[in-house]
C-alpha atoms as a PDB file:
ATOM      1  CA  MET A   1      72.629 142.454  29.860  1.00  0.00           C
ATOM      2  CA  PRO A   2      71.390 139.814  28.166  1.00  0.00           C
ATOM      3  CA  SER A   3      67.036 139.972  27.992  1.00  0.00           C
ATOM      4  CA  CYS A   4      64.548 137.520  26.640  1.00  0.00           C
ATOM      5  CA  ASP A   5      62.746 139.563  24.556  1.00  0.00           C
ATOM      6  CA  GLY A   6      63.338 137.732  21.868  1.00  0.00           C
ATOM      7  CA  ILE A   7      62.227 134.608  23.340  1.00  0.00           C
ATOM      8  CA  ARG A   8      59.257 136.270  24.270  1.00  0.00           C
ATOM      9  CA  GLU A   9      58.075 137.930  20.836  1.00  0.00           C
ATOM     10  CA  GLU A  10      58.570 134.574  19.804  1.00  0.00           C
ATOM     11  CA  PHE A  11      56.290 133.170  22.328  1.00  0.00           C
ATOM     12  CA  ILE A  12      53.728 135.770  21.752  1.00  0.00           C
ATOM     13  CA  ARG A  13      53.662 135.148  17.979  1.00  0.00           C
ATOM     14  CA  CYS A  14      53.226 131.147  18.567  1.00  0.00           C
ATOM     15  CA  MET A  15      50.171 131.539  21.016  1.00  0.00           C
ATOM     16  CA  LEU A  16      48.134 134.271  18.734  1.00  0.00           C
ATOM     17  CA  ARG A  17      48.559 131.807  15.419  1.00  0.00           C
ATOM     18  CA  SER A  18      47.598 128.889  17.909  1.00  0.00           C
ATOM     19  CA  GLU A  19      43.873 127.393  17.270  1.00  0.00           C
ATOM     20  CA  CYS A  20      43.198 128.348  21.150  1.00  0.00           C
ATOM     21  CA  VAL A  21      43.267 131.935  20.704  1.00  0.00           C
ATOM     22  CA  PHE A  22      43.070 132.893  17.006  1.00  0.00           C
ATOM     23  CA  ILE A  23      39.889 130.061  15.780  1.00  0.00           C
ATOM     24  CA  LYS A  24      38.521 129.216  19.159  1.00  0.00           C
ATOM     25  CA  ARG A  25      38.670 133.123  20.266  1.00  0.00           C
ATOM     26  CA  HIS A  26      40.494 132.410  24.027  1.00  0.00           C
ATOM     27  CA  SER A  27      42.450 135.036  25.735  1.00  0.00           C
ATOM     28  CA  VAL A  28      46.287 133.944  25.704  1.00  0.00           C
ATOM     29  CA  ALA A  29      46.025 133.902  29.723  1.00  0.00           C
ATOM     30  CA  GLU A  30      43.377 131.483  29.337  1.00  0.00           C
ATOM     31  CA  CYS A  31      44.956 129.048  26.960  1.00  0.00           C
ATOM     32  CA  VAL A  32      48.000 128.994  29.048  1.00  0.00           C
ATOM     33  CA  THR A  33      46.633 128.459  32.463  1.00  0.00           C
ATOM     34  CA  ASN A  34      43.479 126.185  31.428  1.00  0.00           C
ATOM     35  CA  LYS A  35      44.211 122.447  31.398  1.00  0.00           C
ATOM     36  CA  GLU A  36      41.505 121.590  29.405  1.00  0.00           C
ATOM     37  CA  LEU A  37      42.808 124.203  26.188  1.00  0.00           C
ATOM     38  CA  GLU A  38      46.064 122.646  26.306  1.00  0.00           C
ATOM     39  CA  SER A  39      45.401 120.167  23.865  1.00  0.00           C
ATOM     40  CA  LEU A  40      44.579 123.399  21.589  1.00  0.00           C
ATOM     41  CA  VAL A  41      48.117 124.788  21.788  1.00  0.00           C
ATOM     42  CA  PRO A  42      50.998 123.569  19.627  1.00  0.00           C
ATOM     43  CA  SER A  43      53.620 121.971  21.133  1.00  0.00           C
ATOM     44  CA  HIS A  44      56.302 124.120  19.626  1.00  0.00           C
ATOM     45  CA  CYS A  45      54.881 127.194  22.173  1.00  0.00           C
ATOM     46  CA  HIS A  46      54.737 124.803  25.012  1.00  0.00           C
ATOM     47  CA  LEU A  47      58.522 124.515  24.144  1.00  0.00           C
ATOM     48  CA  LEU A  48      58.607 128.452  24.025  1.00  0.00           C
ATOM     49  CA  ARG A  49      57.008 128.904  27.020  1.00  0.00           C
ATOM     50  CA  GLN A  50      59.091 126.547  28.932  1.00  0.00           C
ATOM     51  CA  SER A  51      62.544 128.178  27.172  1.00  0.00           C
ATOM     52  CA  LEU A  52      60.926 131.736  28.294  1.00  0.00           C
ATOM     53  CA  PHE A  53      60.861 130.786  31.474  1.00  0.00           C
ATOM     54  CA  ASP A  54      64.335 129.002  32.275  1.00  0.00           C
ATOM     55  CA  CYS A  55      65.411 132.336  30.166  1.00  0.00           C
ATOM     56  CA  LYS A  56      63.745 134.924  33.339  1.00  0.00           C
ATOM     57  CA  ARG A  57      64.726 132.506  35.692  1.00  0.00           C
ATOM     58  CA  GLY A  58      68.395 132.718  34.471  1.00  0.00           C
ATOM     59  CA  LEU A  59      68.120 136.236  34.856  1.00  0.00           C
ATOM     60  CA  ILE A  60      67.585 136.575  38.163  1.00  0.00           C
ATOM     61  CA  ASP A  61      69.777 133.319  39.468  1.00  0.00           C
ATOM     62  CA  MET A  62      73.329 134.756  40.492  1.00  0.00           C
ATOM     63  CA  ARG A  63      75.314 131.439  39.714  1.00  0.00           C
ATOM     64  CA  ARG A  64      74.618 131.240  36.258  1.00  0.00           C
ATOM     65  CA  ARG A  65      74.367 135.145  35.820  1.00  0.00           C
ATOM     66  CA  MET A  66      78.439 135.254  36.599  1.00  0.00           C
ATOM     67  CA  ARG A  67      79.132 131.648  34.685  1.00  0.00           C
ATOM     68  CA  GLY A  68      76.757 132.883  31.759  1.00  0.00           C
ATOM     69  CA  VAL A  69      74.541 130.815  29.846  1.00  0.00           C
ATOM     70  CA  PRO A  70      76.153 127.780  28.572  1.00  0.00           C
ATOM     71  CA  ASN A  71      76.752 127.589  24.596  1.00  0.00           C
ATOM     72  CA  ALA A  72      75.701 131.072  24.199  1.00  0.00           C
ATOM     73  CA  GLY A  73      78.922 132.486  22.020  1.00  0.00           C
ATOM     74  CA  ILE A  74      79.446 128.699  20.409  1.00  0.00           C
ATOM     75  CA  LYS A  75      77.890 129.072  16.900  1.00  0.00           C
ATOM     76  CA  ILE A  76      77.175 125.036  15.115  1.00  0.00           C
ATOM     77  CA  SER A  77      78.143 125.489  11.646  1.00  0.00           C
ATOM     78  CA  GLN A  78      75.221 123.810   9.461  1.00  0.00           C
ATOM     79  CA  GLY A  79      76.773 120.600   7.429  1.00  0.00           C
ATOM     80  CA  GLN A  80      80.113 120.961   8.258  1.00  0.00           C
ATOM     81  CA  ASP A  81      81.249 117.542  10.000  1.00  0.00           C
ATOM     82  CA  ASP A  82      84.613 117.921  12.323  1.00  0.00           C
ATOM     83  CA  SER A  83      84.716 113.797  12.317  1.00  0.00           C
ATOM     84  CA  SER A  84      87.203 113.713   8.956  1.00  0.00           C
ATOM     85  CA  LYS A  85      89.996 115.109  10.673  1.00  0.00           C
ATOM     86  CA  TRP A  86      90.246 111.969  13.123  1.00  0.00           C
ATOM     87  CA  ASP A  87      90.067 110.064   9.988  1.00  0.00           C
ATOM     88  CA  SER A  88      93.614 109.582   9.338  1.00  0.00           C
END
């Protein structure tokens, strides 16, 4: 069964390095829930939070559990372009 541990750990690391927690010394919970402190959290952390939410939601969604996570097994190679095979 897939888990969201990797995204969760990355989100925690991101939040601990954010200005809100590291410099201003607020708790992670305060930085996540307080709208005034939201500007001190980088956008990367907000994206990780959304990804974590989607991952956890996917674990309990029976339709997604049966179909699997889209593009989970597909590796996209960096630097290779398949468009050249259509040029002939």
